[in-house]
Amino acid sequence: MATVARRWMRHVALLAEGDWHVHSRWSNDAQGTISDYCRQARTNGLKLIAFTEHVRRKLLFDYAAYSAEIDRAREEFPDLVILKGCEAKVLNEDGDIDASDEVLEQCDVVVGSFHSFPDSGDYVTALSNLLRNPQVDIWGHPTLYAVRNGIPLGLETVESLIDLCTEQQVLIEFNGKYRLPSDAMRALVVERGATYVFGSDAHRVEALRVRKDAA
């Protein structure tokens, strides 16, 4: 099956040098302006910051105003790659996500994640289809839903999910907020040659990723 060209590929040189999962004041559970985060990103040695605000098909904020704030920040911080994106939750076994086409068309990056899921659905099937969804660039906080709900994931299943990310060119997030995936799964991601990025999942400026190798 042919895969699609993912949005993140235009920034492939910055995969290790950015924070790919950040929430600003535009997410209802987060704090800090776009400029606040960008200023801190400079201090933290980052070269890229991806704003991935929580969305729903019926938006709770003004996406045009959010976009305008991103545009102003790009002018203010020309040395920083600033991505406008969203984090959208999976809705069903088909891997559909809770974001409108209008929003997805404007995104530079999309994080697909599980926050809740119908009891009647199969988690692994839904996750596999999420990773096949052409709109999804990053698998957000991998396995969080499984960990919280006691869903066992055997080695063979984990390996197949990692390989599916490689096949579909989906980035695997090493999530700082939840410290997921586990160290064992991270080792498998590296061993199997999958592509990963670092995401703080910050909801306040102080939680933004710090590049340890920054000069």
N, C-alpha and C. Protein backbone atom coordinates (compact mmCIF):
# COMPACT_ATOMS: atom_id res chain seq x y z
N MET A 1 0.84 -1.20 0.00
CA MET A 1 0.00 0.00 0.00
C MET A 1 0.88 1.24 0.00
N ALA A 2 0.60 2.17 -0.89
CA ALA A 2 1.39 3.39 -0.99
C ALA A 2 1.14 4.29 0.22
N THR A 3 2.18 4.94 0.69
CA THR A 3 2.05 5.87 1.79
C THR A 3 2.03 7.30 1.27
N VAL A 4 1.54 8.19 2.11
CA VAL A 4 1.47 9.60 1.71
C VAL A 4 2.71 10.33 2.20
N ALA A 5 3.00 11.46 1.59
CA ALA A 5 4.08 12.32 2.05
C ALA A 5 3.57 13.11 3.26
N ARG A 6 4.17 12.90 4.39
CA ARG A 6 3.72 13.56 5.62
C ARG A 6 4.25 14.99 5.69
N ARG A 7 3.52 15.82 6.41
CA ARG A 7 3.88 17.23 6.52
C ARG A 7 5.27 17.44 7.14
N TRP A 8 5.61 16.57 8.10
CA TRP A 8 6.84 16.77 8.85
C TRP A 8 8.09 16.65 7.98
N MET A 9 7.97 16.04 6.82
CA MET A 9 9.15 15.71 6.02
C MET A 9 9.92 16.96 5.55
N ARG A 10 9.23 18.06 5.43
CA ARG A 10 9.93 19.30 5.01
C ARG A 10 10.85 19.82 6.11
N HIS A 11 10.70 19.29 7.32
CA HIS A 11 11.53 19.72 8.45
C HIS A 11 12.37 18.56 8.99
N VAL A 12 12.70 17.62 8.14
CA VAL A 12 13.39 16.40 8.58
C VAL A 12 14.72 16.71 9.24
N ALA A 13 15.38 17.77 8.83
CA ALA A 13 16.68 18.11 9.41
C ALA A 13 16.58 18.57 10.86
N LEU A 14 15.36 18.89 11.32
CA LEU A 14 15.18 19.44 12.66
C LEU A 14 14.46 18.47 13.60
N LEU A 15 14.39 17.21 13.24
CA LEU A 15 13.64 16.26 14.06
C LEU A 15 14.16 16.20 15.50
N ALA A 16 15.48 16.25 15.67
CA ALA A 16 16.07 16.13 17.00
C ALA A 16 16.25 17.48 17.68
N GLU A 17 15.95 18.56 16.98
CA GLU A 17 16.28 19.89 17.49
C GLU A 17 15.05 20.72 17.84
N GLY A 18 13.91 20.06 17.92
CA GLY A 18 12.69 20.79 18.21
C GLY A 18 11.90 20.21 19.35
N ASP A 19 10.85 20.91 19.69
CA ASP A 19 9.81 20.39 20.59
C ASP A 19 8.56 20.30 19.73
N TRP A 20 8.11 19.07 19.49
CA TRP A 20 7.09 18.80 18.49
C TRP A 20 5.69 18.66 19.07
N HIS A 21 5.50 19.00 20.33
CA HIS A 21 4.18 18.84 20.96
C HIS A 21 4.05 19.87 22.08
N VAL A 22 3.44 21.01 21.77
CA VAL A 22 3.36 22.12 22.72
C VAL A 22 1.95 22.70 22.71
N HIS A 23 1.45 23.02 23.90
CA HIS A 23 0.13 23.64 24.05
C HIS A 23 0.28 25.03 24.67
N SER A 24 -0.27 26.04 24.01
CA SER A 24 -0.25 27.41 24.52
C SER A 24 -1.63 27.75 25.10
N ARG A 25 -1.83 29.02 25.35
CA ARG A 25 -3.10 29.48 25.93
C ARG A 25 -4.31 29.17 25.04
N TRP A 26 -4.06 28.82 23.78
CA TRP A 26 -5.18 28.50 22.89
C TRP A 26 -5.80 27.15 23.23
N SER A 27 -5.08 26.31 23.95
CA SER A 27 -5.70 25.09 24.48
C SER A 27 -6.31 25.42 25.83
N ASN A 28 -7.50 24.91 26.08
CA ASN A 28 -8.24 25.36 27.27
C ASN A 28 -7.62 24.92 28.58
N ASP A 29 -6.65 24.00 28.54
CA ASP A 29 -6.03 23.54 29.78
C ASP A 29 -4.57 23.98 29.89
N ALA A 30 -4.18 24.99 29.08
CA ALA A 30 -2.78 25.41 29.04
C ALA A 30 -2.65 26.90 29.26
N GLN A 31 -1.40 27.34 29.50
CA GLN A 31 -1.10 28.74 29.77
C GLN A 31 0.07 29.18 28.89
N GLY A 32 0.21 30.50 28.69
CA GLY A 32 1.36 31.04 27.98
C GLY A 32 1.03 31.42 26.55
N THR A 33 1.55 32.56 26.12
CA THR A 33 1.32 33.01 24.76
C THR A 33 2.30 32.34 23.80
N ILE A 34 2.03 32.44 22.52
CA ILE A 34 2.93 31.92 21.50
C ILE A 34 4.31 32.56 21.66
N SER A 35 4.34 33.88 21.84
CA SER A 35 5.61 34.58 22.00
C SER A 35 6.36 34.13 23.25
N ASP A 36 5.63 33.91 24.35
CA ASP A 36 6.27 33.42 25.57
C ASP A 36 7.02 32.11 25.30
N TYR A 37 6.37 31.22 24.60
CA TYR A 37 6.99 29.92 24.30
C TYR A 37 8.18 30.08 23.36
N CYS A 38 8.04 30.92 22.35
CA CYS A 38 9.12 31.08 21.37
C CYS A 38 10.35 31.69 22.03
N ARG A 39 10.12 32.63 22.92
CA ARG A 39 11.24 33.24 23.65
C ARG A 39 11.96 32.18 24.49
N GLN A 40 11.18 31.32 25.13
CA GLN A 40 11.77 30.26 25.94
C GLN A 40 12.45 29.21 25.06
N ALA A 41 11.90 28.97 23.89
CA ALA A 41 12.51 28.01 22.96
C ALA A 41 13.92 28.44 22.59
N ARG A 42 14.11 29.72 22.35
CA ARG A 42 15.46 30.24 22.08
C ARG A 42 16.39 29.94 23.26
N THR A 43 15.92 30.25 24.45
CA THR A 43 16.73 30.03 25.64
C THR A 43 17.08 28.56 25.81
N ASN A 44 16.16 27.69 25.44
CA ASN A 44 16.34 26.24 25.63
C ASN A 44 17.11 25.58 24.50
N GLY A 45 17.58 26.37 23.52
CA GLY A 45 18.39 25.82 22.45
C GLY A 45 17.62 25.10 21.37
N LEU A 46 16.32 25.38 21.26
CA LEU A 46 15.50 24.73 20.24
C LEU A 46 15.58 25.49 18.92
N LYS A 47 15.45 24.76 17.84
CA LYS A 47 15.41 25.39 16.51
C LYS A 47 14.03 25.29 15.89
N LEU A 48 13.16 24.51 16.50
CA LEU A 48 11.79 24.32 16.00
C LEU A 48 10.85 24.17 17.18
N ILE A 49 9.67 24.75 17.06
CA ILE A 49 8.62 24.55 18.06
C ILE A 49 7.31 24.34 17.32
N ALA A 50 6.60 23.30 17.71
CA ALA A 50 5.32 22.96 17.07
C ALA A 50 4.19 23.17 18.06
N PHE A 51 3.31 24.11 17.74
CA PHE A 51 2.13 24.36 18.57
C PHE A 51 1.02 23.42 18.12
N THR A 52 0.65 22.53 18.99
CA THR A 52 -0.31 21.47 18.64
C THR A 52 -1.51 21.57 19.59
N GLU A 53 -2.31 22.59 19.35
CA GLU A 53 -3.42 22.88 20.26
C GLU A 53 -4.52 21.81 20.18
N HIS A 54 -5.18 21.58 21.31
CA HIS A 54 -6.30 20.65 21.34
C HIS A 54 -7.44 21.19 20.46
N VAL A 55 -7.95 20.34 19.61
CA VAL A 55 -9.08 20.75 18.76
C VAL A 55 -10.20 19.72 18.85
N ARG A 56 -11.35 20.15 18.40
CA ARG A 56 -12.49 19.28 18.17
C ARG A 56 -13.10 19.69 16.84
N ARG A 57 -13.98 18.87 16.33
CA ARG A 57 -14.63 19.25 15.07
C ARG A 57 -15.41 20.54 15.23
N LYS A 58 -15.94 20.75 16.43
CA LYS A 58 -16.55 22.03 16.75
C LYS A 58 -15.56 22.77 17.65
N LEU A 59 -14.83 23.70 17.07
CA LEU A 59 -13.74 24.36 17.78
C LEU A 59 -14.23 25.19 18.97
N LEU A 60 -13.40 25.21 20.02
CA LEU A 60 -13.71 26.01 21.19
C LEU A 60 -12.92 27.32 21.19
N PHE A 61 -12.14 27.56 20.14
CA PHE A 61 -11.41 28.83 20.04
C PHE A 61 -11.38 29.28 18.59
N ASP A 62 -10.91 30.50 18.39
CA ASP A 62 -10.87 31.13 17.07
C ASP A 62 -9.59 30.73 16.36
N TYR A 63 -9.69 29.80 15.42
CA TYR A 63 -8.49 29.30 14.75
C TYR A 63 -7.83 30.38 13.90
N ALA A 64 -8.60 31.30 13.36
CA ALA A 64 -8.03 32.40 12.58
C ALA A 64 -7.18 33.30 13.46
N ALA A 65 -7.64 33.58 14.67
CA ALA A 65 -6.88 34.41 15.60
C ALA A 65 -5.60 33.68 16.05
N TYR A 66 -5.72 32.40 16.29
CA TYR A 66 -4.56 31.56 16.61
C TYR A 66 -3.54 31.61 15.48
N SER A 67 -4.00 31.47 14.25
CA SER A 67 -3.11 31.53 13.08
C SER A 67 -2.42 32.88 12.97
N ALA A 68 -3.17 33.94 13.26
CA ALA A 68 -2.60 35.28 13.19
C ALA A 68 -1.50 35.46 14.23
N GLU A 69 -1.68 34.88 15.41
CA GLU A 69 -0.65 34.98 16.45
C GLU A 69 0.59 34.20 16.04
N ILE A 70 0.41 33.06 15.40
CA ILE A 70 1.55 32.29 14.86
C ILE A 70 2.30 33.14 13.83
N ASP A 71 1.57 33.79 12.94
CA ASP A 71 2.20 34.61 11.90
C ASP A 71 3.03 35.74 12.52
N ARG A 72 2.50 36.38 13.54
CA ARG A 72 3.24 37.46 14.20
C ARG A 72 4.52 36.92 14.86
N ALA A 73 4.42 35.74 15.44
CA ALA A 73 5.59 35.15 16.08
C ALA A 73 6.66 34.80 15.06
N ARG A 74 6.26 34.36 13.88
CA ARG A 74 7.23 34.05 12.84
C ARG A 74 8.01 35.30 12.42
N GLU A 75 7.37 36.44 12.45
CA GLU A 75 8.06 37.69 12.15
C GLU A 75 8.98 38.10 13.31
N GLU A 76 8.54 37.85 14.52
CA GLU A 76 9.30 38.25 15.70
C GLU A 76 10.51 37.35 15.94
N PHE A 77 10.38 36.06 15.55
CA PHE A 77 11.44 35.08 15.81
C PHE A 77 11.84 34.40 14.49
N PRO A 78 12.48 35.13 13.58
CA PRO A 78 12.79 34.58 12.26
C PRO A 78 13.81 33.44 12.29
N ASP A 79 14.54 33.32 13.39
CA ASP A 79 15.54 32.26 13.52
C ASP A 79 14.93 30.94 13.98
N LEU A 80 13.66 30.92 14.30
CA LEU A 80 12.98 29.76 14.85
C LEU A 80 11.93 29.26 13.88
N VAL A 81 11.92 27.95 13.61
CA VAL A 81 10.85 27.37 12.80
C VAL A 81 9.65 27.16 13.71
N ILE A 82 8.56 27.81 13.37
CA ILE A 82 7.35 27.77 14.21
C ILE A 82 6.25 27.09 13.40
N LEU A 83 5.80 25.95 13.88
CA LEU A 83 4.77 25.19 13.19
C LEU A 83 3.41 25.41 13.84
N LYS A 84 2.42 25.54 13.00
CA LYS A 84 1.03 25.67 13.47
C LYS A 84 0.35 24.33 13.27
N GLY A 85 -0.14 23.74 14.35
CA GLY A 85 -0.74 22.43 14.22
C GLY A 85 -1.83 22.18 15.23
N CYS A 86 -2.11 20.92 15.44
CA CYS A 86 -3.14 20.54 16.40
C CYS A 86 -2.88 19.15 16.93
N GLU A 87 -3.49 18.85 18.06
CA GLU A 87 -3.56 17.49 18.59
C GLU A 87 -5.01 17.08 18.54
N ALA A 88 -5.29 15.96 17.87
CA ALA A 88 -6.66 15.49 17.71
C ALA A 88 -6.77 14.06 18.20
N LYS A 89 -7.84 13.77 18.89
CA LYS A 89 -8.02 12.43 19.45
C LYS A 89 -8.72 11.51 18.46
N VAL A 90 -8.43 10.23 18.59
CA VAL A 90 -9.07 9.23 17.74
C VAL A 90 -10.51 9.04 18.21
N LEU A 91 -11.41 8.81 17.25
CA LEU A 91 -12.84 8.72 17.56
C LEU A 91 -13.40 7.31 17.50
N ASN A 92 -12.81 6.47 16.67
CA ASN A 92 -13.43 5.17 16.40
C ASN A 92 -12.40 4.18 15.88
N GLU A 93 -12.86 2.96 15.61
CA GLU A 93 -11.95 1.91 15.12
C GLU A 93 -11.38 2.22 13.75
N ASP A 94 -12.03 3.10 13.00
CA ASP A 94 -11.54 3.45 11.67
C ASP A 94 -10.37 4.42 11.72
N GLY A 95 -10.03 4.91 12.91
CA GLY A 95 -8.90 5.82 13.04
C GLY A 95 -9.21 7.25 12.67
N ASP A 96 -10.50 7.61 12.61
CA ASP A 96 -10.89 8.99 12.32
C ASP A 96 -10.52 9.87 13.53
N ILE A 97 -10.21 11.12 13.27
CA ILE A 97 -9.80 12.01 14.34
C ILE A 97 -10.77 13.19 14.49
N ASP A 98 -10.77 13.73 15.70
CA ASP A 98 -11.72 14.78 16.08
C ASP A 98 -11.19 16.15 15.66
N ALA A 99 -11.14 16.38 14.36
CA ALA A 99 -10.69 17.67 13.82
C ALA A 99 -11.40 17.89 12.50
N SER A 100 -11.75 19.12 12.22
CA SER A 100 -12.45 19.43 10.98
C SER A 100 -11.47 19.47 9.81
N ASP A 101 -11.99 19.24 8.61
CA ASP A 101 -11.16 19.33 7.41
C ASP A 101 -10.58 20.73 7.26
N GLU A 102 -11.37 21.73 7.64
CA GLU A 102 -10.91 23.12 7.51
C GLU A 102 -9.67 23.38 8.35
N VAL A 103 -9.65 22.85 9.56
CA VAL A 103 -8.48 23.01 10.43
C VAL A 103 -7.31 22.19 9.90
N LEU A 104 -7.56 20.94 9.54
CA LEU A 104 -6.48 20.07 9.08
C LEU A 104 -5.78 20.63 7.85
N GLU A 105 -6.53 21.29 7.00
CA GLU A 105 -5.95 21.89 5.79
C GLU A 105 -4.95 23.00 6.12
N GLN A 106 -5.09 23.60 7.30
CA GLN A 106 -4.23 24.72 7.68
C GLN A 106 -3.03 24.30 8.53
N CYS A 107 -2.99 23.04 8.92
CA CYS A 107 -1.97 22.58 9.86
C CYS A 107 -0.64 22.27 9.17
N ASP A 108 0.45 22.61 9.88
CA ASP A 108 1.78 22.20 9.47
C ASP A 108 2.14 20.84 10.04
N VAL A 109 1.46 20.45 11.11
CA VAL A 109 1.73 19.16 11.76
C VAL A 109 0.50 18.77 12.57
N VAL A 110 0.22 17.47 12.60
CA VAL A 110 -0.94 16.95 13.34
C VAL A 110 -0.49 15.79 14.23
N VAL A 111 -0.79 15.92 15.52
CA VAL A 111 -0.54 14.85 16.48
C VAL A 111 -1.84 14.06 16.65
N GLY A 112 -1.78 12.76 16.45
CA GLY A 112 -2.93 11.89 16.68
C GLY A 112 -2.75 11.15 17.99
N SER A 113 -3.76 11.16 18.85
CA SER A 113 -3.61 10.55 20.17
C SER A 113 -4.93 10.00 20.68
N PHE A 114 -4.82 9.20 21.74
CA PHE A 114 -5.97 8.66 22.44
C PHE A 114 -6.15 9.40 23.75
N HIS A 115 -7.34 9.95 23.97
CA HIS A 115 -7.69 10.51 25.27
C HIS A 115 -8.84 9.71 25.89
N SER A 116 -9.72 9.25 25.05
CA SER A 116 -10.80 8.37 25.47
C SER A 116 -11.15 7.52 24.27
N PHE A 117 -11.96 6.47 24.51
CA PHE A 117 -12.29 5.59 23.41
C PHE A 117 -13.51 4.77 23.79
N PRO A 118 -14.43 4.52 22.84
CA PRO A 118 -15.63 3.73 23.17
C PRO A 118 -15.27 2.34 23.67
N ASP A 119 -15.97 1.90 24.70
CA ASP A 119 -15.70 0.57 25.27
C ASP A 119 -15.90 -0.54 24.25
N SER A 120 -16.75 -0.30 23.26
CA SER A 120 -17.05 -1.34 22.28
C SER A 120 -15.97 -1.47 21.20
N GLY A 121 -15.03 -0.54 21.17
CA GLY A 121 -14.01 -0.56 20.12
C GLY A 121 -12.76 -1.33 20.52
N ASP A 122 -12.03 -1.80 19.52
CA ASP A 122 -10.77 -2.49 19.77
C ASP A 122 -9.62 -1.49 19.66
N TYR A 123 -8.88 -1.36 20.74
CA TYR A 123 -7.84 -0.33 20.82
C TYR A 123 -6.76 -0.52 19.76
N VAL A 124 -6.25 -1.73 19.60
CA VAL A 124 -5.15 -1.95 18.65
C VAL A 124 -5.60 -1.71 17.22
N THR A 125 -6.82 -2.12 16.90
CA THR A 125 -7.36 -1.87 15.56
C THR A 125 -7.47 -0.38 15.31
N ALA A 126 -8.01 0.35 16.28
CA ALA A 126 -8.16 1.80 16.14
C ALA A 126 -6.81 2.48 16.02
N LEU A 127 -5.85 2.06 16.82
CA LEU A 127 -4.52 2.65 16.78
C LEU A 127 -3.85 2.38 15.43
N SER A 128 -3.96 1.17 14.94
CA SER A 128 -3.38 0.84 13.64
C SER A 128 -3.98 1.71 12.54
N ASN A 129 -5.28 1.90 12.60
CA ASN A 129 -5.93 2.74 11.58
C ASN A 129 -5.61 4.22 11.77
N LEU A 130 -5.41 4.64 13.01
CA LEU A 130 -4.96 6.01 13.26
C LEU A 130 -3.62 6.25 12.58
N LEU A 131 -2.71 5.28 12.70
CA LEU A 131 -1.38 5.43 12.11
C LEU A 131 -1.43 5.38 10.59
N ARG A 132 -2.51 4.84 10.05
CA ARG A 132 -2.69 4.83 8.59
C ARG A 132 -3.43 6.07 8.09
N ASN A 133 -3.96 6.84 9.02
CA ASN A 133 -4.72 8.03 8.63
C ASN A 133 -3.77 9.03 7.96
N PRO A 134 -4.04 9.42 6.73
CA PRO A 134 -3.11 10.30 6.01
C PRO A 134 -2.95 11.69 6.62
N GLN A 135 -3.83 12.05 7.56
CA GLN A 135 -3.74 13.36 8.20
C GLN A 135 -2.80 13.38 9.41
N VAL A 136 -2.40 12.21 9.88
CA VAL A 136 -1.65 12.13 11.14
C VAL A 136 -0.15 12.08 10.87
N ASP A 137 0.58 12.99 11.52
CA ASP A 137 2.04 13.06 11.38
C ASP A 137 2.78 12.40 12.53
N ILE A 138 2.20 12.49 13.73
CA ILE A 138 2.89 12.05 14.94
C ILE A 138 1.95 11.20 15.79
N TRP A 139 2.46 10.07 16.29
CA TRP A 139 1.74 9.27 17.27
C TRP A 139 2.02 9.88 18.64
N GLY A 140 1.03 10.57 19.20
CA GLY A 140 1.21 11.30 20.44
C GLY A 140 1.13 10.42 21.68
N HIS A 141 1.93 10.77 22.68
CA HIS A 141 2.10 10.01 23.94
C HIS A 141 1.74 8.52 23.75
N PRO A 142 2.60 7.80 23.03
CA PRO A 142 2.32 6.40 22.67
C PRO A 142 2.02 5.51 23.88
N THR A 143 0.98 4.74 23.76
CA THR A 143 0.52 3.71 24.71
C THR A 143 -0.11 4.29 25.97
N LEU A 144 -0.29 5.60 26.07
CA LEU A 144 -0.85 6.17 27.30
C LEU A 144 -2.21 5.57 27.63
N TYR A 145 -3.07 5.48 26.63
CA TYR A 145 -4.41 4.94 26.88
C TYR A 145 -4.33 3.48 27.35
N ALA A 146 -3.45 2.71 26.75
CA ALA A 146 -3.29 1.30 27.13
C ALA A 146 -2.79 1.19 28.57
N VAL A 147 -1.82 2.03 28.94
CA VAL A 147 -1.28 2.00 30.30
C VAL A 147 -2.35 2.36 31.31
N ARG A 148 -3.11 3.41 31.02
CA ARG A 148 -4.12 3.87 31.97
C ARG A 148 -5.28 2.89 32.12
N ASN A 149 -5.54 2.13 31.09
CA ASN A 149 -6.71 1.24 31.11
C ASN A 149 -6.34 -0.24 31.19
N GLY A 150 -5.09 -0.52 31.49
CA GLY A 150 -4.66 -1.90 31.71
C GLY A 150 -4.79 -2.79 30.49
N ILE A 151 -4.57 -2.23 29.31
CA ILE A 151 -4.64 -3.01 28.08
C ILE A 151 -3.26 -3.58 27.79
N PRO A 152 -3.10 -4.91 27.84
CA PRO A 152 -1.78 -5.48 27.62
C PRO A 152 -1.36 -5.39 26.15
N LEU A 153 -0.11 -5.01 25.93
CA LEU A 153 0.44 -4.97 24.59
C LEU A 153 1.69 -5.85 24.56
N GLY A 154 1.57 -6.99 23.93
CA GLY A 154 2.69 -7.92 23.85
C GLY A 154 3.79 -7.40 22.94
N LEU A 155 4.94 -8.04 23.03
CA LEU A 155 6.10 -7.64 22.24
C LEU A 155 5.79 -7.65 20.75
N GLU A 156 5.13 -8.67 20.28
CA GLU A 156 4.83 -8.77 18.85
C GLU A 156 3.93 -7.61 18.40
N THR A 157 2.96 -7.24 19.23
CA THR A 157 2.07 -6.12 18.90
C THR A 157 2.83 -4.81 18.86
N VAL A 158 3.68 -4.59 19.87
CA VAL A 158 4.46 -3.35 19.92
C VAL A 158 5.38 -3.25 18.72
N GLU A 159 6.04 -4.33 18.37
CA GLU A 159 6.93 -4.32 17.21
C GLU A 159 6.16 -4.03 15.92
N SER A 160 4.97 -4.60 15.80
CA SER A 160 4.18 -4.38 14.59
C SER A 160 3.72 -2.93 14.49
N LEU A 161 3.40 -2.30 15.64
CA LEU A 161 3.00 -0.89 15.65
C LEU A 161 4.17 0.02 15.27
N ILE A 162 5.34 -0.29 15.80
CA ILE A 162 6.54 0.48 15.45
C ILE A 162 6.81 0.36 13.95
N ASP A 163 6.73 -0.85 13.43
CA ASP A 163 6.99 -1.06 12.01
C ASP A 163 5.93 -0.38 11.14
N LEU A 164 4.70 -0.33 11.64
CA LEU A 164 3.63 0.35 10.91
C LEU A 164 3.93 1.85 10.82
N CYS A 165 4.46 2.42 11.90
CA CYS A 165 4.85 3.84 11.86
C CYS A 165 5.90 4.07 10.79
N THR A 166 6.87 3.17 10.68
CA THR A 166 7.89 3.30 9.66
C THR A 166 7.29 3.18 8.27
N GLU A 167 6.43 2.21 8.09
CA GLU A 167 5.78 2.00 6.79
C GLU A 167 4.96 3.22 6.38
N GLN A 168 4.24 3.79 7.34
CA GLN A 168 3.35 4.91 7.06
C GLN A 168 4.02 6.27 7.24
N GLN A 169 5.28 6.26 7.62
CA GLN A 169 6.06 7.49 7.79
C GLN A 169 5.45 8.40 8.86
N VAL A 170 5.00 7.78 9.93
CA VAL A 170 4.46 8.50 11.08
C VAL A 170 5.55 8.58 12.15
N LEU A 171 5.75 9.75 12.70
CA LEU A 171 6.74 9.94 13.75
C LEU A 171 6.22 9.39 15.08
N ILE A 172 7.11 8.76 15.84
CA ILE A 172 6.77 8.29 17.17
C ILE A 172 7.27 9.32 18.18
N GLU A 173 6.37 9.80 19.01
CA GLU A 173 6.76 10.82 19.98
C GLU A 173 7.37 10.20 21.22
N PHE A 174 8.52 10.71 21.63
CA PHE A 174 9.06 10.44 22.95
C PHE A 174 8.55 11.57 23.83
N ASN A 175 7.49 11.27 24.57
CA ASN A 175 6.71 12.28 25.27
C ASN A 175 7.29 12.56 26.66
N GLY A 176 7.60 13.84 26.91
CA GLY A 176 8.21 14.22 28.17
C GLY A 176 7.25 14.27 29.33
N LYS A 177 6.02 14.68 29.09
CA LYS A 177 5.05 14.84 30.18
C LYS A 177 4.74 13.50 30.85
N TYR A 178 4.50 12.49 30.05
CA TYR A 178 4.11 11.19 30.59
C TYR A 178 5.26 10.18 30.61
N ARG A 179 6.42 10.59 30.09
CA ARG A 179 7.59 9.71 29.99
C ARG A 179 7.22 8.41 29.27
N LEU A 180 6.59 8.60 28.11
CA LEU A 180 6.17 7.48 27.28
C LEU A 180 6.70 7.68 25.86
N PRO A 181 6.92 6.58 25.13
CA PRO A 181 6.73 5.20 25.56
C PRO A 181 7.76 4.79 26.63
N SER A 182 7.62 3.58 27.10
CA SER A 182 8.52 3.06 28.12
C SER A 182 9.95 2.99 27.58
N ASP A 183 10.90 2.86 28.50
CA ASP A 183 12.30 2.75 28.07
C ASP A 183 12.49 1.54 27.16
N ALA A 184 11.80 0.45 27.46
CA ALA A 184 11.93 -0.75 26.64
C ALA A 184 11.42 -0.51 25.23
N MET A 185 10.29 0.20 25.12
CA MET A 185 9.75 0.48 23.79
C MET A 185 10.62 1.49 23.06
N ARG A 186 11.16 2.46 23.78
CA ARG A 186 12.07 3.42 23.14
C ARG A 186 13.27 2.69 22.54
N ALA A 187 13.79 1.72 23.27
CA ALA A 187 14.92 0.95 22.76
C ALA A 187 14.53 0.20 21.49
N LEU A 188 13.31 -0.32 21.47
CA LEU A 188 12.82 -1.02 20.28
C LEU A 188 12.67 -0.06 19.10
N VAL A 189 12.17 1.14 19.37
CA VAL A 189 12.02 2.15 18.31
C VAL A 189 13.37 2.41 17.66
N VAL A 190 14.39 2.59 18.48
CA VAL A 190 15.74 2.86 17.95
C VAL A 190 16.28 1.63 17.24
N GLU A 191 16.12 0.48 17.86
CA GLU A 191 16.64 -0.77 17.28
C GLU A 191 16.03 -1.07 15.92
N ARG A 192 14.74 -0.78 15.77
CA ARG A 192 14.05 -1.11 14.52
C ARG A 192 14.12 0.03 13.50
N GLY A 193 14.83 1.10 13.83
CA GLY A 193 15.08 2.16 12.88
C GLY A 193 13.90 3.06 12.60
N ALA A 194 12.94 3.13 13.53
CA ALA A 194 11.79 4.01 13.33
C ALA A 194 12.21 5.45 13.60
N THR A 195 11.46 6.38 13.05
CA THR A 195 11.76 7.80 13.21
C THR A 195 10.96 8.37 14.38
N TYR A 196 11.65 9.08 15.26
CA TYR A 196 10.98 9.61 16.45
C TYR A 196 11.34 11.07 16.65
N VAL A 197 10.52 11.74 17.45
CA VAL A 197 10.77 13.13 17.82
C VAL A 197 10.52 13.30 19.30
N PHE A 198 10.98 14.41 19.84
CA PHE A 198 10.77 14.73 21.24
C PHE A 198 9.63 15.73 21.37
N GLY A 199 8.70 15.43 22.25
CA GLY A 199 7.59 16.34 22.51
C GLY A 199 7.42 16.50 24.01
N SER A 200 7.48 17.73 24.48
CA SER A 200 7.31 17.95 25.92
C SER A 200 5.87 17.78 26.35
N ASP A 201 4.92 17.99 25.40
CA ASP A 201 3.50 18.05 25.74
C ASP A 201 3.28 19.15 26.78
N ALA A 202 4.07 20.21 26.64
CA ALA A 202 4.02 21.31 27.61
C ALA A 202 2.66 21.99 27.61
N HIS A 203 2.18 22.30 28.80
CA HIS A 203 0.98 23.11 28.97
C HIS A 203 1.29 24.42 29.70
N ARG A 204 2.57 24.62 29.96
CA ARG A 204 3.07 25.88 30.52
C ARG A 204 4.50 26.06 30.02
N VAL A 205 4.95 27.28 29.97
CA VAL A 205 6.23 27.60 29.36
C VAL A 205 7.38 26.85 30.04
N GLU A 206 7.31 26.73 31.36
CA GLU A 206 8.41 26.11 32.11
C GLU A 206 8.62 24.65 31.75
N ALA A 207 7.62 24.02 31.14
CA ALA A 207 7.72 22.59 30.80
C ALA A 207 8.28 22.35 29.40
N LEU A 208 8.62 23.40 28.68
CA LEU A 208 9.13 23.26 27.32
C LEU A 208 10.44 22.46 27.32
N ARG A 209 10.63 21.70 26.29
CA ARG A 209 11.83 20.87 26.18
C ARG A 209 13.10 21.73 26.18
N VAL A 210 14.14 21.21 26.85
CA VAL A 210 15.47 21.82 26.83
C VAL A 210 16.39 20.89 26.07
N ARG A 211 17.02 21.40 25.03
CA ARG A 211 17.97 20.58 24.28
C ARG A 211 19.26 20.45 25.08
N LYS A 212 19.58 19.22 25.48
CA LYS A 212 20.76 18.99 26.30
C LYS A 212 22.06 19.16 25.51
N ASP A 213 21.96 19.03 24.17
CA ASP A 213 23.17 19.13 23.36
C ASP A 213 23.32 20.52 22.76
N ALA A 214 22.51 21.47 23.21
CA ALA A 214 22.58 22.83 22.65
C ALA A 214 23.88 23.50 23.10
N ALA A 215 24.43 24.29 22.18
CA ALA A 215 25.68 24.98 22.49
C ALA A 215 25.45 26.05 23.57
